Amino acid sequence: MQRVIALDMEGVLTPEIWIAVAQRTGIDELRRTTRDEPDYDALMRYRIDVLNTHGVSLKQIREVIAELPLLEGAREFLDELRRRWVVVLLSDTFEQFDDHFLELMGYPHLLCHRLDVAEGRLAGWRRRVDDAKRCAVEAYRALNYHVTAIGDSYNDLTMLRAADAASLFRCPEAVAAANPDLPSVSTYREMLRWIDSVQVPATR
């Protein structure tokens, strides 16, 4: 059976964009991430309100992103995965945030959302479908792929639960404690070993 590796992006391969924006702007309210808030729509509405209250534009956010590196070892990890399997990134980031990281990662296949922008400010966001990460995993499985999923936050859990095999990566203690049946690893080397240990059947 052919295998797909489905990865979250922020926290797994890249830094958390919103944490970086919070550090650059000094707006501590933007430190709240999916590691803190399971309801992504509520989190995004909160972020957009905070940005507009402080007059932060999309251009300013993109300038912060443009200075961020990948996490140490992430490109090598991603390249090793791509050498051996089909890889897809399933992220709750946005098309308008992606170009810098896509270049650094060698333009992987990324499925994400889109922002509504008015006069240079964030006005809202558009999800692909409800629970897009889970839907993507289910679609790959319906195409008879074996899906191995990796994430780090509350918003990854439905994706992980829908996959044939799943692991947490560098996740908060609260997420790991609430999901003790999911393996939790902290290095790319450990993750590769875990991926290799997963038994993939010849047919479903």
C-alpha atoms as a PDB file:
ATOM      1  CA  MET A   1       0.000   0.000   0.000  1.00  0.00           C
ATOM      2  CA  GLN A   2       1.359   3.440  -0.902  1.00  0.00           C
ATOM      3  CA  ARG A   3       1.974   5.715   2.055  1.00  0.00           C
ATOM      4  CA  VAL A   4       1.277   9.408   2.647  1.00  0.00           C
ATOM      5  CA  ILE A   5       2.968  11.335   5.466  1.00  0.00           C
ATOM      6  CA  ALA A   6       0.728  14.211   6.572  1.00  0.00           C
ATOM      7  CA  LEU A   7       2.465  16.916   8.612  1.00  0.00           C
ATOM      8  CA  ASP A   8       1.312  20.000  10.411  1.00  0.00           C
ATOM      9  CA  MET A   9       3.563  22.952   9.540  1.00  0.00           C
ATOM     10  CA  GLU A  10       3.872  25.434  12.419  1.00  0.00           C
ATOM     11  CA  GLY A  11       5.552  23.892  15.444  1.00  0.00           C
ATOM     12  CA  VAL A  12       6.601  20.837  13.409  1.00  0.00           C
ATOM     13  CA  LEU A  13       8.661  22.361  10.591  1.00  0.00           C
ATOM     14  CA  THR A  14       8.467  26.120  11.154  1.00  0.00           C
ATOM     15  CA  PRO A  15       8.268  28.445  14.139  1.00  0.00           C
ATOM     16  CA  GLU A  16       4.844  29.580  15.320  1.00  0.00           C
ATOM     17  CA  ILE A  17       4.087  32.600  13.145  1.00  0.00           C
ATOM     18  CA  TRP A  18       1.823  34.314  15.658  1.00  0.00           C
ATOM     19  CA  ILE A  19       4.367  34.022  18.454  1.00  0.00           C
ATOM     20  CA  ALA A  20       6.916  35.721  16.181  1.00  0.00           C
ATOM     21  CA  VAL A  21       4.431  38.491  15.357  1.00  0.00           C
ATOM     22  CA  ALA A  22       3.744  38.956  19.073  1.00  0.00           C
ATOM     23  CA  GLN A  23       7.459  39.261  19.794  1.00  0.00           C
ATOM     24  CA  ARG A  24       8.047  41.762  16.989  1.00  0.00           C
ATOM     25  CA  THR A  25       5.014  43.962  17.740  1.00  0.00           C
ATOM     26  CA  GLY A  26       5.054  43.641  21.521  1.00  0.00           C
ATOM     27  CA  ILE A  27       1.381  42.579  21.445  1.00  0.00           C
ATOM     28  CA  ASP A  28       1.257  39.824  24.048  1.00  0.00           C
ATOM     29  CA  GLU A  29      -2.345  38.909  23.185  1.00  0.00           C
ATOM     30  CA  LEU A  30      -1.040  37.359  19.954  1.00  0.00           C
ATOM     31  CA  ARG A  31       0.922  34.755  21.903  1.00  0.00           C
ATOM     32  CA  ARG A  32      -2.271  32.718  22.167  1.00  0.00           C
ATOM     33  CA  THR A  33      -2.041  29.795  19.714  1.00  0.00           C
ATOM     34  CA  THR A  34      -3.735  26.504  18.888  1.00  0.00           C
ATOM     35  CA  ARG A  35      -1.718  25.025  21.731  1.00  0.00           C
ATOM     36  CA  ASP A  36      -3.894  27.138  24.051  1.00  0.00           C
ATOM     37  CA  GLU A  37      -7.234  27.417  22.192  1.00  0.00           C
ATOM     38  CA  PRO A  38      -8.878  24.344  20.610  1.00  0.00           C
ATOM     39  CA  ASP A  39     -11.518  26.425  18.779  1.00  0.00           C
ATOM     40  CA  TYR A  40      -9.649  27.706  15.718  1.00  0.00           C
ATOM     41  CA  ASP A  41     -12.413  29.988  14.479  1.00  0.00           C
ATOM     42  CA  ALA A  42     -12.641  31.678  17.881  1.00  0.00           C
ATOM     43  CA  LEU A  43      -8.855  32.017  17.942  1.00  0.00           C
ATOM     44  CA  MET A  44      -8.720  33.635  14.491  1.00  0.00           C
ATOM     45  CA  ARG A  45     -11.539  36.071  15.241  1.00  0.00           C
ATOM     46  CA  TYR A  46      -9.675  37.026  18.408  1.00  0.00           C
ATOM     47  CA  ARG A  47      -6.404  37.506  16.510  1.00  0.00           C
ATOM     48  CA  ILE A  48      -8.018  39.636  13.814  1.00  0.00           C
ATOM     49  CA  ASP A  49      -9.666  41.850  16.431  1.00  0.00           C
ATOM     50  CA  VAL A  50      -6.332  42.293  18.218  1.00  0.00           C
ATOM     51  CA  LEU A  51      -4.477  43.098  14.985  1.00  0.00           C
ATOM     52  CA  ASN A  52      -7.012  45.682  13.911  1.00  0.00           C
ATOM     53  CA  THR A  53      -7.162  47.253  17.374  1.00  0.00           C
ATOM     54  CA  HIS A  54      -3.393  47.769  17.179  1.00  0.00           C
ATOM     55  CA  GLY A  55      -3.347  48.738  13.496  1.00  0.00           C
ATOM     56  CA  VAL A  56      -1.163  45.820  12.356  1.00  0.00           C
ATOM     57  CA  SER A  57      -1.295  45.232   8.588  1.00  0.00           C
ATOM     58  CA  LEU A  58      -0.798  42.114   6.485  1.00  0.00           C
ATOM     59  CA  LYS A  59       2.381  43.707   5.116  1.00  0.00           C
ATOM     60  CA  GLN A  60       3.809  43.953   8.638  1.00  0.00           C
ATOM     61  CA  ILE A  61       2.982  40.312   9.345  1.00  0.00           C
ATOM     62  CA  ARG A  62       4.620  39.207   6.095  1.00  0.00           C
ATOM     63  CA  GLU A  63       7.734  41.212   6.980  1.00  0.00           C
ATOM     64  CA  VAL A  64       8.015  39.261  10.243  1.00  0.00           C
ATOM     65  CA  ILE A  65       7.519  35.931   8.477  1.00  0.00           C
ATOM     66  CA  ALA A  66      10.178  36.792   5.881  1.00  0.00           C
ATOM     67  CA  GLU A  67      12.838  36.828   8.612  1.00  0.00           C
ATOM     68  CA  LEU A  68      11.934  33.469  10.175  1.00  0.00           C
ATOM     69  CA  PRO A  69      14.050  30.343   9.553  1.00  0.00           C
ATOM     70  CA  LEU A  70      12.778  26.798   9.508  1.00  0.00           C
ATOM     71  CA  LEU A  71      13.209  24.875  12.742  1.00  0.00           C
ATOM     72  CA  GLU A  72      16.701  23.422  12.995  1.00  0.00           C
ATOM     73  CA  GLY A  73      16.880  20.168  11.056  1.00  0.00           C
ATOM     74  CA  ALA A  74      13.414  20.594   9.520  1.00  0.00           C
ATOM     75  CA  ARG A  75      14.530  20.788   5.876  1.00  0.00           C
ATOM     76  CA  GLU A  76      16.685  17.679   6.204  1.00  0.00           C
ATOM     77  CA  PHE A  77      13.817  15.829   7.907  1.00  0.00           C
ATOM     78  CA  LEU A  78      11.370  16.896   5.213  1.00  0.00           C
ATOM     79  CA  ASP A  79      13.772  15.944   2.419  1.00  0.00           C
ATOM     80  CA  GLU A  80      14.259  12.488   3.913  1.00  0.00           C
ATOM     81  CA  LEU A  81      10.505  11.975   4.099  1.00  0.00           C
ATOM     82  CA  ARG A  82      10.047  13.114   0.499  1.00  0.00           C
ATOM     83  CA  ARG A  83      12.814  10.805  -0.673  1.00  0.00           C
ATOM     84  CA  ARG A  84      10.874   7.824   0.630  1.00  0.00           C
ATOM     85  CA  TRP A  85       7.173   8.693   0.652  1.00  0.00           C
ATOM     86  CA  VAL A  86       4.483  11.080  -0.581  1.00  0.00           C
ATOM     87  CA  VAL A  87       4.357  14.075   1.798  1.00  0.00           C
ATOM     88  CA  VAL A  88       1.604  16.646   2.301  1.00  0.00           C
ATOM     89  CA  LEU A  89       1.515  19.569   4.735  1.00  0.00           C
ATOM     90  CA  LEU A  90      -1.899  20.123   6.317  1.00  0.00           C
ATOM     91  CA  SER A  91      -1.870  23.468   8.065  1.00  0.00           C
ATOM     92  CA  ASP A  92      -4.182  26.077   9.538  1.00  0.00           C
ATOM     93  CA  THR A  93      -1.932  28.778   8.130  1.00  0.00           C
ATOM     94  CA  PHE A  94      -2.911  30.981   5.166  1.00  0.00           C
ATOM     95  CA  GLU A  95      -1.947  31.329   1.514  1.00  0.00           C
ATOM     96  CA  GLN A  96      -0.854  34.930   2.133  1.00  0.00           C
ATOM     97  CA  PHE A  97       1.674  33.738   4.750  1.00  0.00           C
ATOM     98  CA  ASP A  98       3.195  30.841   2.834  1.00  0.00           C
ATOM     99  CA  ASP A  99       5.630  31.930   0.133  1.00  0.00           C
ATOM    100  CA  HIS A 100       8.671  32.437   2.374  1.00  0.00           C
ATOM    101  CA  PHE A 101       8.418  29.061   4.095  1.00  0.00           C
ATOM    102  CA  LEU A 102       7.496  27.240   0.886  1.00  0.00           C
ATOM    103  CA  GLU A 103      10.737  28.461  -0.684  1.00  0.00           C
ATOM    104  CA  LEU A 104      12.781  27.391   2.350  1.00  0.00           C
ATOM    105  CA  MET A 105      11.151  23.938   2.294  1.00  0.00           C
ATOM    106  CA  GLY A 106      11.590  23.354  -1.427  1.00  0.00           C
ATOM    107  CA  TYR A 107       7.949  23.977  -2.332  1.00  0.00           C
ATOM    108  CA  PRO A 108       6.151  21.038  -0.695  1.00  0.00           C
ATOM    109  CA  HIS A 109       2.466  20.350  -1.294  1.00  0.00           C
ATOM    110  CA  LEU A 110       0.643  22.518   1.276  1.00  0.00           C
ATOM    111  CA  LEU A 111      -3.094  22.629   1.943  1.00  0.00           C
ATOM    112  CA  CYS A 112      -4.220  25.601   4.029  1.00  0.00           C
ATOM    113  CA  HIS A 113      -6.750  28.442   4.310  1.00  0.00           C
ATOM    114  CA  ARG A 114      -7.104  31.951   2.880  1.00  0.00           C
ATOM    115  CA  LEU A 115      -7.394  35.379   4.495  1.00  0.00           C
ATOM    116  CA  ASP A 116      -9.846  38.098   3.545  1.00  0.00           C
ATOM    117  CA  VAL A 117      -7.936  41.372   3.307  1.00  0.00           C
ATOM    118  CA  ALA A 118      -9.404  44.883   3.061  1.00  0.00           C
ATOM    119  CA  GLU A 119      -7.200  47.966   2.639  1.00  0.00           C
ATOM    120  CA  GLY A 120      -4.164  45.985   3.744  1.00  0.00           C
ATOM    121  CA  ARG A 121      -5.750  44.776   7.007  1.00  0.00           C
ATOM    122  CA  LEU A 122      -7.064  41.353   7.925  1.00  0.00           C
ATOM    123  CA  ALA A 123     -10.859  41.366   7.649  1.00  0.00           C
ATOM    124  CA  GLY A 124     -11.603  37.680   8.088  1.00  0.00           C
ATOM    125  CA  TRP A 125     -10.584  34.211   6.997  1.00  0.00           C
ATOM    126  CA  ARG A 126     -11.970  31.442   4.817  1.00  0.00           C
ATOM    127  CA  ARG A 127     -11.574  27.799   5.705  1.00  0.00           C
ATOM    128  CA  ARG A 128     -11.465  25.295   2.854  1.00  0.00           C
ATOM    129  CA  VAL A 129     -14.052  23.107   4.546  1.00  0.00           C
ATOM    130  CA  ASP A 130     -14.934  22.430   8.151  1.00  0.00           C
ATOM    131  CA  ASP A 131     -12.201  20.395   9.840  1.00  0.00           C
ATOM    132  CA  ALA A 132     -10.031  20.542   6.719  1.00  0.00           C
ATOM    133  CA  LYS A 133      -7.120  18.519   8.110  1.00  0.00           C
ATOM    134  CA  ARG A 134      -9.356  15.583   9.013  1.00  0.00           C
ATOM    135  CA  CYS A 135     -11.122  15.790   5.646  1.00  0.00           C
ATOM    136  CA  ALA A 136      -7.800  15.695   3.812  1.00  0.00           C
ATOM    137  CA  VAL A 137      -6.664  12.613   5.719  1.00  0.00           C
ATOM    138  CA  GLU A 138      -9.975  10.874   5.086  1.00  0.00           C
ATOM    139  CA  ALA A 139      -9.750  11.740   1.383  1.00  0.00           C
ATOM    140  CA  TYR A 140      -6.273  10.220   1.079  1.00  0.00           C
ATOM    141  CA  ARG A 141      -7.452   7.103   2.892  1.00  0.00           C
ATOM    142  CA  ALA A 142     -10.453   6.888   0.549  1.00  0.00           C
ATOM    143  CA  LEU A 143      -7.934   6.864  -2.319  1.00  0.00           C
ATOM    144  CA  ASN A 144      -6.403   3.798  -0.644  1.00  0.00           C
ATOM    145  CA  TYR A 145      -3.318   5.483   0.797  1.00  0.00           C
ATOM    146  CA  HIS A 146      -2.000   4.570   4.222  1.00  0.00           C
ATOM    147  CA  VAL A 147      -1.815   7.888   6.087  1.00  0.00           C
ATOM    148  CA  THR A 148       0.699   8.603   8.838  1.00  0.00           C
ATOM    149  CA  ALA A 149      -0.073  11.954  10.492  1.00  0.00           C
ATOM    150  CA  ILE A 150       2.088  14.153  12.728  1.00  0.00           C
ATOM    151  CA  GLY A 151       0.986  17.246  14.651  1.00  0.00           C
ATOM    152  CA  ASP A 152       1.603  19.214  17.802  1.00  0.00           C
ATOM    153  CA  SER A 153      -1.582  21.029  18.859  1.00  0.00           C
ATOM    154  CA  TYR A 154      -5.253  20.704  19.689  1.00  0.00           C
ATOM    155  CA  ASN A 155      -6.225  21.590  16.119  1.00  0.00           C
ATOM    156  CA  ASP A 156      -4.309  18.545  14.868  1.00  0.00           C
ATOM    157  CA  LEU A 157      -6.168  15.973  16.947  1.00  0.00           C
ATOM    158  CA  THR A 158      -8.997  15.202  14.516  1.00  0.00           C
ATOM    159  CA  MET A 159      -6.389  14.755  11.759  1.00  0.00           C
ATOM    160  CA  LEU A 160      -4.376  12.427  13.966  1.00  0.00           C
ATOM    161  CA  ARG A 161      -7.446  10.428  14.972  1.00  0.00           C
ATOM    162  CA  ALA A 162      -8.496  10.004  11.339  1.00  0.00           C
ATOM    163  CA  ALA A 163      -5.087   8.668  10.217  1.00  0.00           C
ATOM    164  CA  ASP A 164      -3.926   5.053  10.051  1.00  0.00           C
ATOM    165  CA  ALA A 165      -1.030   5.954  12.352  1.00  0.00           C
ATOM    166  CA  ALA A 166      -0.347   9.176  14.249  1.00  0.00           C
ATOM    167  CA  SER A 167       2.148  10.826  16.554  1.00  0.00           C
ATOM    168  CA  LEU A 168       2.534  14.074  18.460  1.00  0.00           C
ATOM    169  CA  PHE A 169       5.706  16.112  17.963  1.00  0.00           C
ATOM    170  CA  ARG A 170       7.080  18.568  20.538  1.00  0.00           C
ATOM    171  CA  CYS A 171       3.580  19.133  21.850  1.00  0.00           C
ATOM    172  CA  PRO A 172       2.587  20.852  25.107  1.00  0.00           C
ATOM    173  CA  GLU A 173       2.426  18.575  28.144  1.00  0.00           C
ATOM    174  CA  ALA A 174      -1.328  19.140  28.426  1.00  0.00           C
ATOM    175  CA  VAL A 175      -1.925  17.829  24.898  1.00  0.00           C
ATOM    176  CA  ALA A 176       0.233  14.750  25.491  1.00  0.00           C
ATOM    177  CA  ALA A 177      -1.379  14.085  28.876  1.00  0.00           C
ATOM    178  CA  ALA A 178      -4.877  14.286  27.379  1.00  0.00           C
ATOM    179  CA  ASN A 179      -3.921  11.842  24.592  1.00  0.00           C
ATOM    180  CA  PRO A 180      -1.759   9.186  26.250  1.00  0.00           C
ATOM    181  CA  ASP A 181      -2.441   6.646  23.486  1.00  0.00           C
ATOM    182  CA  LEU A 182      -0.609   8.814  20.928  1.00  0.00           C
ATOM    183  CA  PRO A 183       3.186   8.525  20.792  1.00  0.00           C
ATOM    184  CA  SER A 184       4.920  11.794  21.593  1.00  0.00           C
ATOM    185  CA  VAL A 185       8.455  12.510  20.377  1.00  0.00           C
ATOM    186  CA  SER A 186      10.715  15.540  20.510  1.00  0.00           C
ATOM    187  CA  THR A 187      13.378  15.117  17.808  1.00  0.00           C
ATOM    188  CA  TYR A 188      13.320  14.527  14.077  1.00  0.00           C
ATOM    189  CA  ARG A 189      15.543  11.467  14.477  1.00  0.00           C
ATOM    190  CA  GLU A 190      13.065   9.946  16.918  1.00  0.00           C
ATOM    191  CA  MET A 191      10.225  10.790  14.560  1.00  0.00           C
ATOM    192  CA  LEU A 192      11.917   9.034  11.650  1.00  0.00           C
ATOM    193  CA  ARG A 193      12.457   5.968  13.815  1.00  0.00           C
ATOM    194  CA  TRP A 194       8.801   5.990  14.828  1.00  0.00           C
ATOM    195  CA  ILE A 195       7.642   6.393  11.217  1.00  0.00           C
ATOM    196  CA  ASP A 196       9.849   3.460  10.204  1.00  0.00           C
ATOM    197  CA  SER A 197       8.330   1.355  13.001  1.00  0.00           C
ATOM    198  CA  VAL A 198       4.763   1.737  11.699  1.00  0.00           C
ATOM    199  CA  GLN A 199       3.516  -1.405   9.997  1.00  0.00           C
ATOM    200  CA  VAL A 200       1.982  -0.581   6.607  1.00  0.00           C
ATOM    201  CA  PRO A 201      -0.105  -3.444   5.162  1.00  0.00           C
ATOM    202  CA  ALA A 202       0.213  -4.462   1.540  1.00  0.00           C
ATOM    203  CA  THR A 203      -3.505  -3.771   1.027  1.00  0.00           C
ATOM    204  CA  ARG A 204      -6.282  -2.257   3.099  1.00  0.00           C
END
